[in-house]
Amino acid sequence: MNILLVEDEALAADRTISLLSEIDPSINVLHTCRSVKNTVAWLSTHAEPDLIISDIQLLDGISFSIFTECPVTCPVIFLTAYDQYAIRAFEVNSIAYLLKPVEKEVLEKALDKYRQVKKAFAEQRPEERPEMDYEKVMRALMDKAADYKSRFLVKVGQHIKAVSVEKIAYFFTQDKMTYLVTHDGRKFPLDNSLDEVSRSVDPHVFYRLNRKYIAHIDAVSEVQPYFKGRLVVYLRPDPEEEIVISSEKSGPFKDWMDQ
């Protein structure tokens, strides 16, 4: 079984590949794509895989954009951190889904379902095979944007305060702690991990610059080229360290800034 994995988080990608290997050592992960743009380019220049396993929220947008730009006939299993609203959309469109973090038993059942779907499709003539309405599902998921977090709770002494996302310039990690920094320079510790923050904020407004920083689009003051295709990003207020974006993320970051 040849699988294309679409996942922008390196740790999540490595874990999925490891689970696939444990479930069936004969599975071959052809490639890992980390953005809509990369995936469309890969599918346009390679033979279609047997199966695609794809995250929903990628570096440069929602993964359903892939299937509106590139004709895909193989089954797709989606990974998602969304709640029942999105899941109902999947069920209506007969698309398999897995909730993050992915468990081995759940992934194994999804692969069994894939094999059943593949067998059923093989027994049908091409003209009889149903088409998945990716645009319909994408619209349903875009409506989900209203459910992104609108504020974060922080502790100020003995008190708890709500900070709206409009006031947040960026999030960062330091010494295994997560912090948010407001546009006016105040810093507050958070109970959330940076991965949890990344999944709960609107990707059109916030971008995961690297393993340590997530920035609001209005906090980016300047971008400069760096060595080997990387970028240096300057934020307002000034962070305590230089922020470098990898060459792999530099393209999607520019696309995000140019939205």
C-alpha atoms as a PDB file:
ATOM      1  CA  MET A   1       0.000   0.000   0.000  1.00  0.00           C
ATOM      2  CA  ASN A   2       1.487   3.325  -1.109  1.00  0.00           C
ATOM      3  CA  ILE A   3       0.450   6.284   1.040  1.00  0.00           C
ATOM      4  CA  LEU A   4       0.923  10.024   0.631  1.00  0.00           C
ATOM      5  CA  LEU A   5       1.013  11.746   4.023  1.00  0.00           C
ATOM      6  CA  VAL A   6      -0.041  15.404   4.218  1.00  0.00           C
ATOM      7  CA  GLU A   7       0.960  16.815   7.608  1.00  0.00           C
ATOM      8  CA  ASP A   8       2.657  20.092   8.532  1.00  0.00           C
ATOM      9  CA  GLU A   9       3.733  19.132  12.073  1.00  0.00           C
ATOM     10  CA  ALA A  10       6.963  17.121  11.968  1.00  0.00           C
ATOM     11  CA  LEU A  11       6.326  15.287  15.249  1.00  0.00           C
ATOM     12  CA  ALA A  12       2.790  14.337  14.200  1.00  0.00           C
ATOM     13  CA  ALA A  13       4.087  13.135  10.823  1.00  0.00           C
ATOM     14  CA  ASP A  14       6.789  11.001  12.444  1.00  0.00           C
ATOM     15  CA  ARG A  15       4.258   9.492  14.850  1.00  0.00           C
ATOM     16  CA  THR A  16       1.825   8.645  12.046  1.00  0.00           C
ATOM     17  CA  ILE A  17       4.579   7.012   9.995  1.00  0.00           C
ATOM     18  CA  SER A  18       5.676   5.007  13.053  1.00  0.00           C
ATOM     19  CA  LEU A  19       2.111   3.822  13.709  1.00  0.00           C
ATOM     20  CA  LEU A  20       1.649   2.823  10.075  1.00  0.00           C
ATOM     21  CA  SER A  21       4.841   0.783  10.236  1.00  0.00           C
ATOM     22  CA  GLU A  22       3.660  -0.984  13.405  1.00  0.00           C
ATOM     23  CA  ILE A  23       0.264  -1.753  11.885  1.00  0.00           C
ATOM     24  CA  ASP A  24       1.601  -3.027   8.563  1.00  0.00           C
ATOM     25  CA  PRO A  25       5.344  -3.073   7.799  1.00  0.00           C
ATOM     26  CA  SER A  26       4.571  -3.399   4.088  1.00  0.00           C
ATOM     27  CA  ILE A  27       3.024   0.096   4.000  1.00  0.00           C
ATOM     28  CA  ASN A  28       5.145   2.509   1.990  1.00  0.00           C
ATOM     29  CA  VAL A  29       4.870   6.222   2.828  1.00  0.00           C
ATOM     30  CA  LEU A  30       5.869   7.739  -0.495  1.00  0.00           C
ATOM     31  CA  HIS A  31       6.316  11.293   0.722  1.00  0.00           C
ATOM     32  CA  THR A  32       5.264  13.770   3.404  1.00  0.00           C
ATOM     33  CA  CYS A  33       3.855  17.065   2.126  1.00  0.00           C
ATOM     34  CA  ARG A  34       3.504  19.954   4.564  1.00  0.00           C
ATOM     35  CA  SER A  35       1.342  22.464   2.684  1.00  0.00           C
ATOM     36  CA  VAL A  36      -1.442  22.742   0.116  1.00  0.00           C
ATOM     37  CA  LYS A  37       1.006  24.106  -2.440  1.00  0.00           C
ATOM     38  CA  ASN A  38       3.527  21.286  -1.947  1.00  0.00           C
ATOM     39  CA  THR A  39       0.826  18.620  -2.119  1.00  0.00           C
ATOM     40  CA  VAL A  40      -0.678  19.937  -5.353  1.00  0.00           C
ATOM     41  CA  ALA A  41       2.808  20.070  -6.875  1.00  0.00           C
ATOM     42  CA  TRP A  42       3.574  16.504  -5.773  1.00  0.00           C
ATOM     43  CA  LEU A  43       0.283  15.081  -7.052  1.00  0.00           C
ATOM     44  CA  SER A  44       0.773  16.879 -10.363  1.00  0.00           C
ATOM     45  CA  THR A  45       4.134  15.197 -10.977  1.00  0.00           C
ATOM     46  CA  HIS A  46       3.678  11.714  -9.479  1.00  0.00           C
ATOM     47  CA  ALA A  47       1.424   8.733  -9.942  1.00  0.00           C
ATOM     48  CA  GLU A  48      -1.561   8.775  -7.612  1.00  0.00           C
ATOM     49  CA  PRO A  49      -0.997   6.874  -4.334  1.00  0.00           C
ATOM     50  CA  ASP A  50      -3.295   4.129  -3.087  1.00  0.00           C
ATOM     51  CA  LEU A  51      -4.348   6.294  -0.158  1.00  0.00           C
ATOM     52  CA  ILE A  52      -3.884   9.843   1.135  1.00  0.00           C
ATOM     53  CA  ILE A  53      -3.761  10.553   4.856  1.00  0.00           C
ATOM     54  CA  SER A  54      -4.158  14.286   5.309  1.00  0.00           C
ATOM     55  CA  ASP A  55      -4.322  16.782   8.124  1.00  0.00           C
ATOM     56  CA  ILE A  56      -6.968  19.486   7.672  1.00  0.00           C
ATOM     57  CA  GLN A  57      -5.214  22.646   8.838  1.00  0.00           C
ATOM     58  CA  LEU A  58      -1.919  23.045   6.949  1.00  0.00           C
ATOM     59  CA  LEU A  59       0.736  25.738   6.780  1.00  0.00           C
ATOM     60  CA  ASP A  60      -0.983  27.616   3.968  1.00  0.00           C
ATOM     61  CA  GLY A  61      -4.653  26.805   4.401  1.00  0.00           C
ATOM     62  CA  ILE A  62      -7.273  24.057   4.565  1.00  0.00           C
ATOM     63  CA  SER A  63      -6.340  20.765   2.892  1.00  0.00           C
ATOM     64  CA  PHE A  64      -9.641  20.548   1.012  1.00  0.00           C
ATOM     65  CA  SER A  65      -8.155  23.159  -1.328  1.00  0.00           C
ATOM     66  CA  ILE A  66      -5.873  20.395  -2.609  1.00  0.00           C
ATOM     67  CA  PHE A  67      -8.786  18.438  -4.002  1.00  0.00           C
ATOM     68  CA  THR A  68     -10.395  21.415  -5.694  1.00  0.00           C
ATOM     69  CA  GLU A  69      -7.117  22.177  -7.490  1.00  0.00           C
ATOM     70  CA  CYS A  70      -6.016  18.645  -8.296  1.00  0.00           C
ATOM     71  CA  PRO A  71      -8.217  15.722  -9.423  1.00  0.00           C
ATOM     72  CA  VAL A  72      -7.879  12.884  -6.916  1.00  0.00           C
ATOM     73  CA  THR A  73      -9.661   9.547  -7.213  1.00  0.00           C
ATOM     74  CA  CYS A  74      -8.000   7.561  -4.418  1.00  0.00           C
ATOM     75  CA  PRO A  75      -9.584   7.340  -0.941  1.00  0.00           C
ATOM     76  CA  VAL A  76      -8.627   9.968   1.649  1.00  0.00           C
ATOM     77  CA  ILE A  77      -8.438   9.649   5.419  1.00  0.00           C
ATOM     78  CA  PHE A  78      -8.503  13.034   7.128  1.00  0.00           C
ATOM     79  CA  LEU A  79      -6.862  13.906  10.427  1.00  0.00           C
ATOM     80  CA  THR A  80      -8.610  16.580  12.436  1.00  0.00           C
ATOM     81  CA  ALA A  81      -8.625  18.381  15.752  1.00  0.00           C
ATOM     82  CA  TYR A  82     -12.112  19.727  15.010  1.00  0.00           C
ATOM     83  CA  ASP A  83     -15.180  18.775  17.033  1.00  0.00           C
ATOM     84  CA  GLN A  84     -18.500  17.173  16.117  1.00  0.00           C
ATOM     85  CA  TYR A  85     -19.516  19.987  13.757  1.00  0.00           C
ATOM     86  CA  ALA A  86     -16.750  19.076  11.336  1.00  0.00           C
ATOM     87  CA  ILE A  87     -17.241  15.371  11.947  1.00  0.00           C
ATOM     88  CA  ARG A  88     -20.881  15.599  10.857  1.00  0.00           C
ATOM     89  CA  ALA A  89     -19.703  17.212   7.634  1.00  0.00           C
ATOM     90  CA  PHE A  90     -17.387  14.266   7.053  1.00  0.00           C
ATOM     91  CA  GLU A  91     -20.131  11.750   7.707  1.00  0.00           C
ATOM     92  CA  VAL A  92     -22.459  13.394   5.213  1.00  0.00           C
ATOM     93  CA  ASN A  93     -19.760  13.159   2.559  1.00  0.00           C
ATOM     94  CA  SER A  94     -18.632   9.624   3.460  1.00  0.00           C
ATOM     95  CA  ILE A  95     -15.030  10.669   4.195  1.00  0.00           C
ATOM     96  CA  ALA A  96     -13.067   8.781   6.840  1.00  0.00           C
ATOM     97  CA  TYR A  97     -11.617  10.888   9.643  1.00  0.00           C
ATOM     98  CA  LEU A  98      -9.385  10.466  12.680  1.00  0.00           C
ATOM     99  CA  LEU A  99      -9.279  12.731  15.686  1.00  0.00           C
ATOM    100  CA  LYS A 100      -5.881  13.955  16.870  1.00  0.00           C
ATOM    101  CA  PRO A 101      -3.893  12.692  18.652  1.00  0.00           C
ATOM    102  CA  VAL A 102      -4.211   9.550  16.521  1.00  0.00           C
ATOM    103  CA  GLU A 103      -4.344   6.244  18.392  1.00  0.00           C
ATOM    104  CA  LYS A 104      -2.979   3.043  16.860  1.00  0.00           C
ATOM    105  CA  GLU A 105      -6.234   1.084  17.151  1.00  0.00           C
ATOM    106  CA  VAL A 106      -8.254   3.867  15.523  1.00  0.00           C
ATOM    107  CA  LEU A 107      -5.765   4.210  12.671  1.00  0.00           C
ATOM    108  CA  GLU A 108      -5.827   0.452  12.148  1.00  0.00           C
ATOM    109  CA  LYS A 109      -9.634   0.467  11.886  1.00  0.00           C
ATOM    110  CA  ALA A 110      -9.455   3.347   9.389  1.00  0.00           C
ATOM    111  CA  LEU A 111      -7.042   1.359   7.228  1.00  0.00           C
ATOM    112  CA  ASP A 112      -9.406  -1.613   7.358  1.00  0.00           C
ATOM    113  CA  LYS A 113     -12.181   0.710   6.210  1.00  0.00           C
ATOM    114  CA  TYR A 114      -9.932   1.907   3.381  1.00  0.00           C
ATOM    115  CA  ARG A 115      -9.432  -1.666   2.212  1.00  0.00           C
ATOM    116  CA  GLN A 116     -13.203  -2.223   2.210  1.00  0.00           C
ATOM    117  CA  VAL A 117     -13.783   0.993   0.267  1.00  0.00           C
ATOM    118  CA  LYS A 118     -11.059   0.090  -2.220  1.00  0.00           C
ATOM    119  CA  LYS A 119     -12.607  -3.325  -2.786  1.00  0.00           C
ATOM    120  CA  ALA A 120     -16.069  -1.806  -3.290  1.00  0.00           C
ATOM    121  CA  PHE A 121     -14.722   0.779  -5.747  1.00  0.00           C
ATOM    122  CA  ALA A 122     -12.824  -1.897  -7.670  1.00  0.00           C
ATOM    123  CA  GLU A 123     -16.066  -3.794  -8.190  1.00  0.00           C
ATOM    124  CA  GLN A 124     -17.796  -0.745  -9.711  1.00  0.00           C
ATOM    125  CA  ARG A 125     -17.465   0.648 -13.194  1.00  0.00           C
ATOM    126  CA  PRO A 126     -15.789   4.114 -13.226  1.00  0.00           C
ATOM    127  CA  GLU A 127     -19.008   5.865 -14.234  1.00  0.00           C
ATOM    128  CA  GLU A 128     -20.821   4.355 -11.245  1.00  0.00           C
ATOM    129  CA  ARG A 129     -18.315   5.516  -8.639  1.00  0.00           C
ATOM    130  CA  PRO A 130     -19.626   8.350  -6.410  1.00  0.00           C
ATOM    131  CA  GLU A 131     -17.707  11.589  -6.256  1.00  0.00           C
ATOM    132  CA  MET A 132     -16.934  13.257  -2.951  1.00  0.00           C
ATOM    133  CA  ASP A 133     -18.156  16.833  -2.706  1.00  0.00           C
ATOM    134  CA  TYR A 134     -14.925  18.339  -1.340  1.00  0.00           C
ATOM    135  CA  GLU A 135     -16.116  21.915  -1.913  1.00  0.00           C
ATOM    136  CA  LYS A 136     -19.191  21.304   0.222  1.00  0.00           C
ATOM    137  CA  VAL A 137     -17.088  19.917   3.070  1.00  0.00           C
ATOM    138  CA  MET A 138     -14.586  22.749   2.737  1.00  0.00           C
ATOM    139  CA  ARG A 139     -17.362  25.340   3.055  1.00  0.00           C
ATOM    140  CA  ALA A 140     -18.631  23.593   6.192  1.00  0.00           C
ATOM    141  CA  LEU A 141     -15.164  23.637   7.704  1.00  0.00           C
ATOM    142  CA  MET A 142     -14.608  27.276   6.812  1.00  0.00           C
ATOM    143  CA  ASP A 143     -17.810  28.057   8.717  1.00  0.00           C
ATOM    144  CA  LYS A 144     -16.043  26.466  11.679  1.00  0.00           C
ATOM    145  CA  ALA A 145     -13.799  29.544  11.877  1.00  0.00           C
ATOM    146  CA  ALA A 146     -16.313  31.129  14.233  1.00  0.00           C
ATOM    147  CA  ASP A 147     -15.300  28.488  16.795  1.00  0.00           C
ATOM    148  CA  TYR A 148     -11.637  29.500  16.973  1.00  0.00           C
ATOM    149  CA  LYS A 149     -10.689  30.857  20.384  1.00  0.00           C
ATOM    150  CA  SER A 150     -11.556  34.518  20.825  1.00  0.00           C
ATOM    151  CA  ARG A 151      -9.664  34.935  24.110  1.00  0.00           C
ATOM    152  CA  PHE A 152      -7.159  33.253  26.408  1.00  0.00           C
ATOM    153  CA  LEU A 153      -7.328  33.145  30.192  1.00  0.00           C
ATOM    154  CA  VAL A 154      -4.164  34.259  32.002  1.00  0.00           C
ATOM    155  CA  LYS A 155      -3.208  34.678  35.653  1.00  0.00           C
ATOM    156  CA  VAL A 156      -2.320  38.130  36.937  1.00  0.00           C
ATOM    157  CA  GLY A 157      -1.233  37.662  40.547  1.00  0.00           C
ATOM    158  CA  GLN A 158      -4.182  36.054  42.306  1.00  0.00           C
ATOM    159  CA  HIS A 159      -6.598  37.081  39.576  1.00  0.00           C
ATOM    160  CA  ILE A 160      -7.616  35.557  36.256  1.00  0.00           C
ATOM    161  CA  LYS A 161      -7.897  37.809  33.212  1.00  0.00           C
ATOM    162  CA  ALA A 162      -9.198  37.210  29.703  1.00  0.00           C
ATOM    163  CA  VAL A 163      -7.018  38.512  26.859  1.00  0.00           C
ATOM    164  CA  SER A 164      -8.767  38.775  23.489  1.00  0.00           C
ATOM    165  CA  VAL A 165      -6.894  37.423  20.462  1.00  0.00           C
ATOM    166  CA  GLU A 166      -7.023  40.871  18.827  1.00  0.00           C
ATOM    167  CA  LYS A 167      -4.684  42.127  21.572  1.00  0.00           C
ATOM    168  CA  ILE A 168      -2.166  39.273  21.188  1.00  0.00           C
ATOM    169  CA  ALA A 169       0.970  39.927  19.132  1.00  0.00           C
ATOM    170  CA  TYR A 170       2.525  36.483  19.464  1.00  0.00           C
ATOM    171  CA  PHE A 171       2.889  33.318  21.527  1.00  0.00           C
ATOM    172  CA  PHE A 172       6.225  31.713  22.353  1.00  0.00           C
ATOM    173  CA  THR A 173       7.809  28.995  24.462  1.00  0.00           C
ATOM    174  CA  GLN A 174      10.706  29.390  26.884  1.00  0.00           C
ATOM    175  CA  ASP A 175      12.042  26.919  29.458  1.00  0.00           C
ATOM    176  CA  LYS A 176       9.112  24.545  28.787  1.00  0.00           C
ATOM    177  CA  MET A 177       6.573  27.318  29.449  1.00  0.00           C
ATOM    178  CA  THR A 178       4.222  29.013  26.986  1.00  0.00           C
ATOM    179  CA  TYR A 179       3.663  32.767  27.011  1.00  0.00           C
ATOM    180  CA  LEU A 180       1.548  35.272  25.136  1.00  0.00           C
ATOM    181  CA  VAL A 181       2.726  38.800  24.414  1.00  0.00           C
ATOM    182  CA  THR A 182       0.231  41.577  23.731  1.00  0.00           C
ATOM    183  CA  HIS A 183       0.671  44.343  21.165  1.00  0.00           C
ATOM    184  CA  ASP A 184       1.407  46.766  24.000  1.00  0.00           C
ATOM    185  CA  GLY A 185       4.245  44.591  25.312  1.00  0.00           C
ATOM    186  CA  ARG A 186       2.708  42.784  28.270  1.00  0.00           C
ATOM    187  CA  LYS A 187       3.708  39.119  28.770  1.00  0.00           C
ATOM    188  CA  PHE A 188       1.545  36.455  30.430  1.00  0.00           C
ATOM    189  CA  PRO A 189       2.148  32.727  31.066  1.00  0.00           C
ATOM    190  CA  LEU A 190      -0.324  30.224  29.601  1.00  0.00           C
ATOM    191  CA  ASP A 191      -1.362  26.732  30.630  1.00  0.00           C
ATOM    192  CA  ASN A 192      -1.696  25.755  26.949  1.00  0.00           C
ATOM    193  CA  SER A 193       1.122  24.165  24.966  1.00  0.00           C
ATOM    194  CA  LEU A 194       2.163  25.883  21.736  1.00  0.00           C
ATOM    195  CA  ASP A 195       0.689  22.975  19.756  1.00  0.00           C
ATOM    196  CA  GLU A 196      -2.646  23.493  21.511  1.00  0.00           C
ATOM    197  CA  VAL A 197      -2.495  27.220  20.747  1.00  0.00           C
ATOM    198  CA  SER A 198      -1.730  26.490  17.099  1.00  0.00           C
ATOM    199  CA  ARG A 199      -4.842  24.330  16.769  1.00  0.00           C
ATOM    200  CA  SER A 200      -7.122  26.825  18.511  1.00  0.00           C
ATOM    201  CA  VAL A 201      -6.329  30.100  16.702  1.00  0.00           C
ATOM    202  CA  ASP A 202      -7.420  31.217  13.240  1.00  0.00           C
ATOM    203  CA  PRO A 203      -4.643  30.268  10.745  1.00  0.00           C
ATOM    204  CA  HIS A 204      -5.521  33.266   8.586  1.00  0.00           C
ATOM    205  CA  VAL A 205      -4.575  35.547  11.487  1.00  0.00           C
ATOM    206  CA  PHE A 206      -1.857  33.588  13.315  1.00  0.00           C
ATOM    207  CA  TYR A 207       1.078  31.699  11.807  1.00  0.00           C
ATOM    208  CA  ARG A 208       3.376  29.080  13.346  1.00  0.00           C
ATOM    209  CA  LEU A 209       6.768  30.604  12.488  1.00  0.00           C
ATOM    210  CA  ASN A 210       8.817  27.775  13.980  1.00  0.00           C
ATOM    211  CA  ARG A 211       8.821  25.430  16.960  1.00  0.00           C
ATOM    212  CA  LYS A 212       8.905  28.342  19.411  1.00  0.00           C
ATOM    213  CA  TYR A 213       6.768  31.162  17.947  1.00  0.00           C
ATOM    214  CA  ILE A 214       3.233  31.784  16.683  1.00  0.00           C
ATOM    215  CA  ALA A 215       2.676  35.353  15.457  1.00  0.00           C
ATOM    216  CA  HIS A 216      -0.311  37.556  14.675  1.00  0.00           C
ATOM    217  CA  ILE A 217      -0.110  38.909  11.135  1.00  0.00           C
ATOM    218  CA  ASP A 218      -0.180  42.503  12.396  1.00  0.00           C
ATOM    219  CA  ALA A 219       2.819  41.828  14.659  1.00  0.00           C
ATOM    220  CA  VAL A 220       5.149  41.145  11.720  1.00  0.00           C
ATOM    221  CA  SER A 221       7.102  44.364  11.156  1.00  0.00           C
ATOM    222  CA  GLU A 222       9.805  43.198   8.731  1.00  0.00           C
ATOM    223  CA  VAL A 223      11.097  40.117   6.932  1.00  0.00           C
ATOM    224  CA  GLN A 224      14.649  39.688   5.642  1.00  0.00           C
ATOM    225  CA  PRO A 225      16.346  36.925   3.607  1.00  0.00           C
ATOM    226  CA  TYR A 226      18.691  34.645   5.509  1.00  0.00           C
ATOM    227  CA  PHE A 227      21.122  31.860   4.611  1.00  0.00           C
ATOM    228  CA  LYS A 228      20.005  28.877   2.496  1.00  0.00           C
ATOM    229  CA  GLY A 229      16.525  30.177   1.682  1.00  0.00           C
ATOM    230  CA  ARG A 230      15.565  30.884   5.273  1.00  0.00           C
ATOM    231  CA  LEU A 231      13.952  34.091   6.520  1.00  0.00           C
ATOM    232  CA  VAL A 232      14.453  36.297   9.566  1.00  0.00           C
ATOM    233  CA  VAL A 233      11.181  37.690  10.920  1.00  0.00           C
ATOM    234  CA  TYR A 234      11.012  40.820  13.075  1.00  0.00           C
ATOM    235  CA  LEU A 235       8.032  41.237  15.371  1.00  0.00           C
ATOM    236  CA  ARG A 236       6.496  44.100  17.325  1.00  0.00           C
ATOM    237  CA  PRO A 237       7.109  44.179  20.299  1.00  0.00           C
ATOM    238  CA  ASP A 238      10.690  42.940  19.904  1.00  0.00           C
ATOM    239  CA  PRO A 239      11.135  39.341  21.095  1.00  0.00           C
ATOM    240  CA  GLU A 240      14.120  38.329  23.187  1.00  0.00           C
ATOM    241  CA  GLU A 241      15.723  36.306  20.397  1.00  0.00           C
ATOM    242  CA  GLU A 242      16.114  36.207  16.626  1.00  0.00           C
ATOM    243  CA  ILE A 243      13.284  34.384  14.846  1.00  0.00           C
ATOM    244  CA  VAL A 244      14.283  32.316  11.831  1.00  0.00           C
ATOM    245  CA  ILE A 245      11.878  30.541   9.471  1.00  0.00           C
ATOM    246  CA  SER A 246      13.123  27.413   7.713  1.00  0.00           C
ATOM    247  CA  SER A 247      13.464  27.333   3.920  1.00  0.00           C
ATOM    248  CA  GLU A 248      10.617  24.803   3.858  1.00  0.00           C
ATOM    249  CA  LYS A 249       8.246  27.217   5.584  1.00  0.00           C
ATOM    250  CA  SER A 250       9.430  30.391   3.863  1.00  0.00           C
ATOM    251  CA  GLY A 251       7.184  29.934   0.809  1.00  0.00           C
ATOM    252  CA  PRO A 252       3.975  29.221   2.757  1.00  0.00           C
ATOM    253  CA  PHE A 253       4.827  32.095   5.118  1.00  0.00           C
ATOM    254  CA  LYS A 254       5.082  34.536   2.197  1.00  0.00           C
ATOM    255  CA  ASP A 255       1.754  33.246   0.866  1.00  0.00           C
ATOM    256  CA  TRP A 256       0.204  33.786   4.303  1.00  0.00           C
ATOM    257  CA  MET A 257       1.551  37.353   4.465  1.00  0.00           C
ATOM    258  CA  ASP A 258       0.209  38.052   0.965  1.00  0.00           C
ATOM    259  CA  GLN A 259      -3.357  36.842   1.660  1.00  0.00           C
END
